[in-house]
C-alpha atoms as a PDB file:
ATOM      1  CA  MET A   1     -55.450  87.676  18.875  1.00  0.00           C
ATOM      2  CA  PRO A   2     -56.876  85.011  16.510  1.00  0.00           C
ATOM      3  CA  GLU A   3     -54.625  82.207  15.428  1.00  0.00           C
ATOM      4  CA  LEU A   4     -53.309  82.632  11.866  1.00  0.00           C
ATOM      5  CA  ARG A   5     -53.760  79.645   9.606  1.00  0.00           C
ATOM      6  CA  GLU A   6     -51.374  78.543   6.907  1.00  0.00           C
ATOM      7  CA  PRO A   7     -52.693  79.269   3.390  1.00  0.00           C
ATOM      8  CA  PRO A   8     -53.463  76.166   1.336  1.00  0.00           C
ATOM      9  CA  GLU A   9     -50.657  74.904  -0.897  1.00  0.00           C
ATOM     10  CA  ARG A  10     -52.706  75.475  -4.027  1.00  0.00           C
ATOM     11  CA  PRO A  11     -55.415  78.137  -4.112  1.00  0.00           C
ATOM     12  CA  ASP A  12     -57.782  75.954  -6.166  1.00  0.00           C
ATOM     13  CA  ARG A  13     -58.221  73.685  -3.113  1.00  0.00           C
ATOM     14  CA  ALA A  14     -60.387  76.412  -1.578  1.00  0.00           C
ATOM     15  CA  TYR A  15     -62.819  76.123  -4.504  1.00  0.00           C
ATOM     16  CA  GLY A  16     -63.390  72.395  -4.251  1.00  0.00           C
ATOM     17  CA  ALA A  17     -61.026  71.174  -6.945  1.00  0.00           C
ATOM     18  CA  PRO A  18     -60.325  67.440  -6.791  1.00  0.00           C
ATOM     19  CA  GLU A  19     -56.990  66.372  -5.293  1.00  0.00           C
ATOM     20  CA  GLY A  20     -55.322  64.839  -8.375  1.00  0.00           C
ATOM     21  CA  GLU A  21     -56.681  67.285 -10.941  1.00  0.00           C
ATOM     22  CA  THR A  22     -54.367  68.275 -13.784  1.00  0.00           C
ATOM     23  CA  GLU A  23     -54.223  71.678 -15.446  1.00  0.00           C
ATOM     24  CA  ALA A  24     -55.989  70.308 -18.542  1.00  0.00           C
ATOM     25  CA  GLU A  25     -58.832  68.898 -16.423  1.00  0.00           C
ATOM     26  CA  ARG A  26     -59.175  72.234 -14.637  1.00  0.00           C
ATOM     27  CA  ARG A  27     -59.375  74.057 -17.970  1.00  0.00           C
ATOM     28  CA  ARG A  28     -62.007  71.604 -19.245  1.00  0.00           C
ATOM     29  CA  ARG A  29     -64.058  72.066 -16.073  1.00  0.00           C
ATOM     30  CA  ARG A  30     -63.767  75.855 -16.384  1.00  0.00           C
ATOM     31  CA  ALA A  31     -64.754  75.762 -20.080  1.00  0.00           C
ATOM     32  CA  ARG A  32     -67.829  73.655 -19.224  1.00  0.00           C
ATOM     33  CA  PHE A  33     -68.786  76.095 -16.479  1.00  0.00           C
ATOM     34  CA  LEU A  34     -68.446  79.091 -18.818  1.00  0.00           C
ATOM     35  CA  ARG A  35     -70.524  77.328 -21.515  1.00  0.00           C
ATOM     36  CA  GLU A  36     -73.284  76.596 -19.001  1.00  0.00           C
ATOM     37  CA  LEU A  37     -73.150  80.175 -17.737  1.00  0.00           C
ATOM     38  CA  ALA A  38     -73.506  81.551 -21.271  1.00  0.00           C
ATOM     39  CA  GLU A  39     -76.399  79.163 -21.914  1.00  0.00           C
ATOM     40  CA  ALA A  40     -78.139  80.291 -18.718  1.00  0.00           C
ATOM     41  CA  ARG A  41     -77.700  83.953 -19.676  1.00  0.00           C
ATOM     42  CA  ALA A  42     -79.086  83.293 -23.163  1.00  0.00           C
ATOM     43  CA  LEU A  43     -82.106  81.531 -21.647  1.00  0.00           C
ATOM     44  CA  ARG A  44     -82.689  84.428 -19.236  1.00  0.00           C
ATOM     45  CA  ASP A  45     -82.471  86.880 -22.148  1.00  0.00           C
ATOM     46  CA  ARG A  46     -85.107  84.912 -24.082  1.00  0.00           C
ATOM     47  CA  VAL A  47     -87.408  84.659 -21.069  1.00  0.00           C
ATOM     48  CA  GLN A  48     -87.038  88.311 -19.973  1.00  0.00           C
ATOM     49  CA  PRO A  49     -86.455  90.323 -23.169  1.00  0.00           C
ATOM     50  CA  ARG A  50     -87.252  93.721 -21.624  1.00  0.00           C
ATOM     51  CA  ARG A  51     -84.768  93.229 -18.791  1.00  0.00           C
ATOM     52  CA  ALA A  52     -82.181  91.906 -21.261  1.00  0.00           C
ATOM     53  CA  LYS A  53     -82.602  94.961 -23.484  1.00  0.00           C
ATOM     54  CA  ALA A  54     -82.210  97.306 -20.515  1.00  0.00           C
ATOM     55  CA  ALA A  55     -79.079  95.411 -19.432  1.00  0.00           C
ATOM     56  CA  ARG A  56     -77.618  95.701 -22.951  1.00  0.00           C
ATOM     57  CA  LEU A  57     -78.304  99.439 -22.993  1.00  0.00           C
ATOM     58  CA  ARG A  58     -76.702  99.905 -19.559  1.00  0.00           C
ATOM     59  CA  HIS A  59     -73.671  97.914 -20.652  1.00  0.00           C
ATOM     60  CA  ALA A  60     -73.344  99.957 -23.853  1.00  0.00           C
ATOM     61  CA  LEU A  61     -73.555 103.177 -21.855  1.00  0.00           C
ATOM     62  CA  ARG A  62     -70.862 101.959 -19.449  1.00  0.00           C
ATOM     63  CA  MET A  63     -68.620 101.001 -22.332  1.00  0.00           C
ATOM     64  CA  ARG A  64     -69.161 104.346 -24.050  1.00  0.00           C
ATOM     65  CA  THR A  65     -68.267 106.302 -20.930  1.00  0.00           C
ATOM     66  CA  PHE A  66     -65.330 104.089 -19.922  1.00  0.00           C
ATOM     67  CA  ARG A  67     -61.955 105.745 -20.465  1.00  0.00           C
ATOM     68  CA  TRP A  68     -59.010 103.638 -21.547  1.00  0.00           C
END
């Protein structure tokens, strides 16, 4: 049977967070990541308008058929 390892003290250690990082620094890093992700998606939508339109239509269809 494989040896079970102890889980890390803080789960963010698994994702490469610096050792002395505060909650505010983590939120700033996350906000920067989300801004860059949105910028990359906007760029992809400008470069591939047909694919972006199809993705919007698929998303709208999913949202229309989703039941709360």
